[in-house]
């Protein structure tokens, strides 16, 4: 909300179905492209890369990119989006409730 995408928590919650549709469409597109062009497109998960940086090295190798120093340190800086003292947090329960109302399994 700090980015100004929503006017407040009610607006953000009202937009969850649209955001979920966008998310599913985005991932569906890239997953299908990776399945049809495995030598050109690889979909990697951020959490997977953080847990094991070799996932990134292997993904690059699968699309023909050789990393000259695969043991180099790989790190990601966190990008904060909400202040620590925010007053109207959107909870996981809020999101799950909306997903259930849209007949989507959280």
C-alpha atoms as a PDB file:
ATOM      1  CA  UNK A   1       0.000   0.000   0.000  1.00  0.00           C
ATOM      2  CA  UNK A   2       2.945   2.257   0.554  1.00  0.00           C
ATOM      3  CA  UNK A   3       3.508   2.238  -3.199  1.00  0.00           C
ATOM      4  CA  UNK A   4       0.092   3.824  -3.712  1.00  0.00           C
ATOM      5  CA  UNK A   5      -1.393   0.880  -5.631  1.00  0.00           C
ATOM      6  CA  UNK A   6      -4.387   0.770  -3.284  1.00  0.00           C
ATOM      7  CA  UNK A   7      -6.210   3.400  -1.283  1.00  0.00           C
ATOM      8  CA  UNK A   8      -6.274   1.206   1.806  1.00  0.00           C
ATOM      9  CA  UNK A   9      -6.806  -2.302   3.138  1.00  0.00           C
ATOM     10  CA  UNK A  10     -10.431  -2.603   1.905  1.00  0.00           C
ATOM     11  CA  UNK A  11      -9.341  -1.629  -1.614  1.00  0.00           C
ATOM     12  CA  UNK A  12      -6.429  -4.087  -1.510  1.00  0.00           C
ATOM     13  CA  UNK A  13      -8.695  -6.905  -0.315  1.00  0.00           C
ATOM     14  CA  UNK A  14     -11.291  -6.105  -2.971  1.00  0.00           C
ATOM     15  CA  UNK A  15      -8.589  -6.523  -5.618  1.00  0.00           C
ATOM     16  CA  UNK A  16      -7.310  -9.929  -4.442  1.00  0.00           C
ATOM     17  CA  UNK A  17      -9.318 -11.878  -7.070  1.00  0.00           C
ATOM     18  CA  UNK A  18      -7.899  -9.713  -9.880  1.00  0.00           C
ATOM     19  CA  UNK A  19      -4.378  -9.983  -8.498  1.00  0.00           C
ATOM     20  CA  UNK A  20      -4.756 -13.744  -8.159  1.00  0.00           C
ATOM     21  CA  UNK A  21      -5.939 -13.926 -11.770  1.00  0.00           C
ATOM     22  CA  UNK A  22      -2.958 -11.853 -12.901  1.00  0.00           C
ATOM     23  CA  UNK A  23      -0.595 -14.067 -10.876  1.00  0.00           C
ATOM     24  CA  UNK A  24      -2.042 -17.261 -12.326  1.00  0.00           C
ATOM     25  CA  UNK A  25      -1.982 -15.854 -15.861  1.00  0.00           C
ATOM     26  CA  UNK A  26       1.622 -14.706 -15.525  1.00  0.00           C
ATOM     27  CA  UNK A  27       2.832 -18.030 -14.145  1.00  0.00           C
ATOM     28  CA  UNK A  28       0.686 -20.035 -16.544  1.00  0.00           C
ATOM     29  CA  UNK A  29       2.249 -18.215 -19.496  1.00  0.00           C
ATOM     30  CA  UNK A  30       5.845 -18.753 -18.335  1.00  0.00           C
ATOM     31  CA  UNK A  31       5.258 -22.348 -17.204  1.00  0.00           C
ATOM     32  CA  UNK A  32       3.761 -23.204 -20.612  1.00  0.00           C
ATOM     33  CA  UNK A  33       6.629 -21.483 -22.414  1.00  0.00           C
ATOM     34  CA  UNK A  34       9.188 -23.335 -20.282  1.00  0.00           C
ATOM     35  CA  UNK A  35       7.439 -26.635 -21.076  1.00  0.00           C
ATOM     36  CA  UNK A  36       7.435 -25.936 -24.817  1.00  0.00           C
ATOM     37  CA  UNK A  37      10.933 -24.391 -24.970  1.00  0.00           C
ATOM     38  CA  UNK A  38      12.965 -26.074 -22.192  1.00  0.00           C
ATOM     39  CA  UNK A  39      16.274 -25.121 -23.771  1.00  0.00           C
ATOM     40  CA  UNK A  40      15.327 -21.458 -23.885  1.00  0.00           C
ATOM     41  CA  UNK A  41      13.119 -20.794 -20.848  1.00  0.00           C
ATOM     42  CA  UNK A  42      13.525 -21.980 -17.265  1.00  0.00           C
ATOM     43  CA  UNK A  43      11.233 -20.945 -14.433  1.00  0.00           C
ATOM     44  CA  UNK A  44      13.041 -20.720 -11.096  1.00  0.00           C
ATOM     45  CA  UNK A  45      11.573 -19.957  -7.701  1.00  0.00           C
ATOM     46  CA  UNK A  46      13.086 -17.243  -5.556  1.00  0.00           C
ATOM     47  CA  UNK A  47      12.787 -19.373  -2.407  1.00  0.00           C
ATOM     48  CA  UNK A  48      14.484 -22.277  -4.194  1.00  0.00           C
ATOM     49  CA  UNK A  49      17.392 -20.063  -5.254  1.00  0.00           C
ATOM     50  CA  UNK A  50      17.800 -18.607  -1.766  1.00  0.00           C
ATOM     51  CA  UNK A  51      17.730 -22.099  -0.243  1.00  0.00           C
ATOM     52  CA  UNK A  52      20.247 -23.438  -2.756  1.00  0.00           C
ATOM     53  CA  UNK A  53      22.066 -21.027  -5.102  1.00  0.00           C
ATOM     54  CA  UNK A  54      23.096 -23.997  -7.260  1.00  0.00           C
ATOM     55  CA  UNK A  55      19.477 -23.998  -8.502  1.00  0.00           C
ATOM     56  CA  UNK A  56      20.278 -20.747 -10.334  1.00  0.00           C
ATOM     57  CA  UNK A  57      23.546 -22.094 -11.732  1.00  0.00           C
ATOM     58  CA  UNK A  58      21.764 -25.226 -12.987  1.00  0.00           C
ATOM     59  CA  UNK A  59      18.922 -23.165 -14.483  1.00  0.00           C
ATOM     60  CA  UNK A  60      21.405 -21.013 -16.380  1.00  0.00           C
ATOM     61  CA  UNK A  61      23.221 -24.120 -17.589  1.00  0.00           C
ATOM     62  CA  UNK A  62      19.934 -25.550 -18.907  1.00  0.00           C
ATOM     63  CA  UNK A  63      19.532 -22.537 -21.205  1.00  0.00           C
ATOM     64  CA  UNK A  64      23.138 -22.626 -22.377  1.00  0.00           C
ATOM     65  CA  UNK A  65      24.689 -20.034 -20.106  1.00  0.00           C
ATOM     66  CA  UNK A  66      27.925 -21.095 -18.455  1.00  0.00           C
ATOM     67  CA  UNK A  67      28.768 -19.368 -15.198  1.00  0.00           C
ATOM     68  CA  UNK A  68      32.562 -18.974 -15.032  1.00  0.00           C
ATOM     69  CA  UNK A  69      32.721 -18.929 -11.231  1.00  0.00           C
ATOM     70  CA  UNK A  70      29.777 -20.992  -9.955  1.00  0.00           C
ATOM     71  CA  UNK A  71      31.004 -20.862  -6.370  1.00  0.00           C
ATOM     72  CA  UNK A  72      30.771 -17.064  -6.219  1.00  0.00           C
ATOM     73  CA  UNK A  73      28.501 -15.725  -3.516  1.00  0.00           C
ATOM     74  CA  UNK A  74      24.987 -15.025  -4.730  1.00  0.00           C
ATOM     75  CA  UNK A  75      22.746 -12.831  -2.628  1.00  0.00           C
ATOM     76  CA  UNK A  76      19.531 -10.865  -2.867  1.00  0.00           C
ATOM     77  CA  UNK A  77      18.788  -7.623  -1.078  1.00  0.00           C
ATOM     78  CA  UNK A  78      15.386  -7.429   0.543  1.00  0.00           C
ATOM     79  CA  UNK A  79      13.042  -4.789  -0.845  1.00  0.00           C
ATOM     80  CA  UNK A  80      10.832  -3.513   1.969  1.00  0.00           C
ATOM     81  CA  UNK A  81       7.334  -2.512   0.871  1.00  0.00           C
ATOM     82  CA  UNK A  82       5.530  -1.734   4.106  1.00  0.00           C
ATOM     83  CA  UNK A  83       6.692   0.212   7.136  1.00  0.00           C
ATOM     84  CA  UNK A  84       7.121  -1.791  10.336  1.00  0.00           C
ATOM     85  CA  UNK A  85       4.562   0.360  12.131  1.00  0.00           C
ATOM     86  CA  UNK A  86       1.739  -0.003   9.606  1.00  0.00           C
ATOM     87  CA  UNK A  87      -1.675   0.197  11.225  1.00  0.00           C
ATOM     88  CA  UNK A  88      -3.856  -1.807   8.830  1.00  0.00           C
ATOM     89  CA  UNK A  89      -2.043  -5.009   7.873  1.00  0.00           C
ATOM     90  CA  UNK A  90      -3.527  -7.425   5.392  1.00  0.00           C
ATOM     91  CA  UNK A  91      -3.369 -10.802   7.083  1.00  0.00           C
ATOM     92  CA  UNK A  92      -3.004 -14.239   5.567  1.00  0.00           C
ATOM     93  CA  UNK A  93      -6.476 -14.985   6.905  1.00  0.00           C
ATOM     94  CA  UNK A  94      -7.862 -12.027   4.901  1.00  0.00           C
ATOM     95  CA  UNK A  95      -6.340 -13.406   1.707  1.00  0.00           C
ATOM     96  CA  UNK A  96      -7.453 -16.987   2.397  1.00  0.00           C
ATOM     97  CA  UNK A  97     -11.025 -15.840   3.068  1.00  0.00           C
ATOM     98  CA  UNK A  98     -11.166 -14.056  -0.281  1.00  0.00           C
ATOM     99  CA  UNK A  99      -9.601 -17.007  -2.089  1.00  0.00           C
ATOM    100  CA  UNK A 100     -12.188 -19.380  -0.582  1.00  0.00           C
ATOM    101  CA  UNK A 101     -14.984 -17.012  -1.624  1.00  0.00           C
ATOM    102  CA  UNK A 102     -13.613 -17.279  -5.186  1.00  0.00           C
ATOM    103  CA  UNK A 103     -13.502 -21.088  -4.886  1.00  0.00           C
ATOM    104  CA  UNK A 104      -9.716 -21.112  -5.003  1.00  0.00           C
ATOM    105  CA  UNK A 105      -7.823 -23.419  -2.663  1.00  0.00           C
ATOM    106  CA  UNK A 106      -5.386 -21.316  -0.580  1.00  0.00           C
END
